[in-house]
Amino acid sequence: MSYLSGSLLVIGSLFIFLAGLGLFRMRTLFTRMQVTSKASTLGVVCMICGVSLRVMKLEVATKGILICALLILTTPIATHALALAAKKRGCDR
């Protein structure tokens, strides 16, 4: 179980690093938003799952599942709202 939680923590931190790197590599606003929303969400979910497996307590696992569900539900909505506002303002660069 320790190897699984450690690998989830490493994978999560790698995805978060790639989201930060994608912020610098992508040229337009919309591709930056897409990269950061997808990669950071997956990274945070992997890290929360890794911490839940490492601690092995029911309260931590329950809170982790709720945080992951909230994150998975709200991140696409927030990204869509930001992209719509940017498109209406003409920020297509």
C-alpha atoms as a PDB file:
ATOM      1  CA  MET A   1       0.000   0.000   0.000  1.00  0.00           C
ATOM      2  CA  SER A   2       2.928   2.295   0.677  1.00  0.00           C
ATOM      3  CA  TYR A   3       4.225   1.874  -2.884  1.00  0.00           C
ATOM      4  CA  LEU A   4       0.813   2.631  -4.365  1.00  0.00           C
ATOM      5  CA  SER A   5       0.330   5.777  -2.301  1.00  0.00           C
ATOM      6  CA  GLY A   6       3.869   6.935  -3.049  1.00  0.00           C
ATOM      7  CA  SER A   7       3.436   6.397  -6.755  1.00  0.00           C
ATOM      8  CA  LEU A   8       0.118   8.295  -6.715  1.00  0.00           C
ATOM      9  CA  LEU A   9       1.831  11.198  -4.954  1.00  0.00           C
ATOM     10  CA  VAL A  10       4.640  11.218  -7.526  1.00  0.00           C
ATOM     11  CA  ILE A  11       2.199  10.989 -10.449  1.00  0.00           C
ATOM     12  CA  GLY A  12       0.090  13.795  -8.971  1.00  0.00           C
ATOM     13  CA  SER A  13       3.072  16.074  -8.504  1.00  0.00           C
ATOM     14  CA  LEU A  14       4.211  15.278 -12.057  1.00  0.00           C
ATOM     15  CA  PHE A  15       0.816  16.295 -13.452  1.00  0.00           C
ATOM     16  CA  ILE A  16       0.859  19.524 -11.452  1.00  0.00           C
ATOM     17  CA  PHE A  17       4.373  20.254 -12.723  1.00  0.00           C
ATOM     18  CA  LEU A  18       3.236  19.607 -16.286  1.00  0.00           C
ATOM     19  CA  ALA A  19       0.287  21.969 -15.784  1.00  0.00           C
ATOM     20  CA  GLY A  20       2.692  24.687 -14.709  1.00  0.00           C
ATOM     21  CA  LEU A  21       4.963  23.941 -17.639  1.00  0.00           C
ATOM     22  CA  GLY A  22       1.995  24.032 -20.012  1.00  0.00           C
ATOM     23  CA  LEU A  23       1.216  27.519 -18.770  1.00  0.00           C
ATOM     24  CA  PHE A  24       4.506  28.720 -20.233  1.00  0.00           C
ATOM     25  CA  ARG A  25       4.540  26.551 -23.366  1.00  0.00           C
ATOM     26  CA  MET A  26       1.063  27.235 -24.743  1.00  0.00           C
ATOM     27  CA  ARG A  27       0.528  30.400 -26.731  1.00  0.00           C
ATOM     28  CA  THR A  28      -3.164  31.263 -26.510  1.00  0.00           C
ATOM     29  CA  LEU A  29      -5.388  31.855 -23.515  1.00  0.00           C
ATOM     30  CA  PHE A  30      -7.753  29.018 -24.319  1.00  0.00           C
ATOM     31  CA  THR A  31      -5.053  26.363 -24.674  1.00  0.00           C
ATOM     32  CA  ARG A  32      -3.492  27.542 -21.413  1.00  0.00           C
ATOM     33  CA  MET A  33      -6.836  27.208 -19.676  1.00  0.00           C
ATOM     34  CA  GLN A  34      -7.371  23.742 -21.111  1.00  0.00           C
ATOM     35  CA  VAL A  35      -3.949  22.483 -20.082  1.00  0.00           C
ATOM     36  CA  THR A  36      -4.069  23.861 -16.577  1.00  0.00           C
ATOM     37  CA  SER A  37      -7.611  22.731 -15.822  1.00  0.00           C
ATOM     38  CA  LYS A  38      -7.125  19.156 -16.998  1.00  0.00           C
ATOM     39  CA  ALA A  39      -3.635  18.502 -15.680  1.00  0.00           C
ATOM     40  CA  SER A  40      -4.014  20.247 -12.338  1.00  0.00           C
ATOM     41  CA  THR A  41      -7.338  18.523 -11.630  1.00  0.00           C
ATOM     42  CA  LEU A  42      -5.867  15.123 -12.374  1.00  0.00           C
ATOM     43  CA  GLY A  43      -2.777  15.944 -10.327  1.00  0.00           C
ATOM     44  CA  VAL A  44      -4.716  17.063  -7.277  1.00  0.00           C
ATOM     45  CA  VAL A  45      -7.017  14.027  -7.465  1.00  0.00           C
ATOM     46  CA  CYS A  46      -4.003  11.694  -7.619  1.00  0.00           C
ATOM     47  CA  MET A  47      -2.369  13.456  -4.683  1.00  0.00           C
ATOM     48  CA  ILE A  48      -5.532  13.316  -2.554  1.00  0.00           C
ATOM     49  CA  CYS A  49      -5.923   9.610  -3.319  1.00  0.00           C
ATOM     50  CA  GLY A  50      -2.278   9.035  -2.410  1.00  0.00           C
ATOM     51  CA  VAL A  51      -2.640  10.853   0.909  1.00  0.00           C
ATOM     52  CA  SER A  52      -5.843   8.941   1.681  1.00  0.00           C
ATOM     53  CA  LEU A  53      -4.087   5.640   1.062  1.00  0.00           C
ATOM     54  CA  ARG A  54      -1.070   6.695   3.097  1.00  0.00           C
ATOM     55  CA  VAL A  55      -3.054   7.770   6.181  1.00  0.00           C
ATOM     56  CA  MET A  56      -5.557   4.870   6.089  1.00  0.00           C
ATOM     57  CA  LYS A  57      -8.277   6.557   8.142  1.00  0.00           C
ATOM     58  CA  LEU A  58     -11.937   6.610   7.228  1.00  0.00           C
ATOM     59  CA  GLU A  59     -12.351  10.344   7.916  1.00  0.00           C
ATOM     60  CA  VAL A  60      -9.469  11.256   5.639  1.00  0.00           C
ATOM     61  CA  ALA A  61     -10.722   8.978   2.879  1.00  0.00           C
ATOM     62  CA  THR A  62     -14.262  10.363   3.140  1.00  0.00           C
ATOM     63  CA  LYS A  63     -13.075  13.959   3.015  1.00  0.00           C
ATOM     64  CA  GLY A  64     -10.743  13.100   0.139  1.00  0.00           C
ATOM     65  CA  ILE A  65     -13.564  11.564  -1.879  1.00  0.00           C
ATOM     66  CA  LEU A  66     -15.763  14.604  -1.265  1.00  0.00           C
ATOM     67  CA  ILE A  67     -12.984  17.008  -2.242  1.00  0.00           C
ATOM     68  CA  CYS A  68     -12.251  15.014  -5.408  1.00  0.00           C
ATOM     69  CA  ALA A  69     -15.922  14.945  -6.376  1.00  0.00           C
ATOM     70  CA  LEU A  70     -16.274  18.682  -5.785  1.00  0.00           C
ATOM     71  CA  LEU A  71     -13.124  19.385  -7.762  1.00  0.00           C
ATOM     72  CA  ILE A  72     -14.171  17.196 -10.683  1.00  0.00           C
ATOM     73  CA  LEU A  73     -17.607  18.834 -10.775  1.00  0.00           C
ATOM     74  CA  THR A  74     -16.567  22.476 -10.420  1.00  0.00           C
ATOM     75  CA  THR A  75     -13.353  22.781 -12.424  1.00  0.00           C
ATOM     76  CA  PRO A  76     -14.907  22.271 -15.889  1.00  0.00           C
ATOM     77  CA  ILE A  77     -17.733  24.687 -15.049  1.00  0.00           C
ATOM     78  CA  ALA A  78     -15.324  27.360 -13.829  1.00  0.00           C
ATOM     79  CA  THR A  79     -13.059  26.919 -16.841  1.00  0.00           C
ATOM     80  CA  HIS A  80     -16.017  27.165 -19.198  1.00  0.00           C
ATOM     81  CA  ALA A  81     -17.247  30.327 -17.500  1.00  0.00           C
ATOM     82  CA  LEU A  82     -13.795  31.912 -17.727  1.00  0.00           C
ATOM     83  CA  ALA A  83     -13.444  30.943 -21.388  1.00  0.00           C
ATOM     84  CA  LEU A  84     -16.876  32.364 -22.199  1.00  0.00           C
ATOM     85  CA  ALA A  85     -16.056  35.637 -20.458  1.00  0.00           C
ATOM     86  CA  ALA A  86     -12.715  35.846 -22.267  1.00  0.00           C
ATOM     87  CA  LYS A  87     -14.388  35.217 -25.614  1.00  0.00           C
ATOM     88  CA  LYS A  88     -17.012  37.896 -24.975  1.00  0.00           C
ATOM     89  CA  ARG A  89     -14.280  40.407 -24.099  1.00  0.00           C
ATOM     90  CA  GLY A  90     -12.293  39.533 -27.211  1.00  0.00           C
ATOM     91  CA  CYS A  91      -9.244  38.033 -25.499  1.00  0.00           C
ATOM     92  CA  ASP A  92      -8.433  35.611 -28.305  1.00  0.00           C
ATOM     93  CA  ARG A  93      -4.655  36.016 -28.066  1.00  0.00           C
END
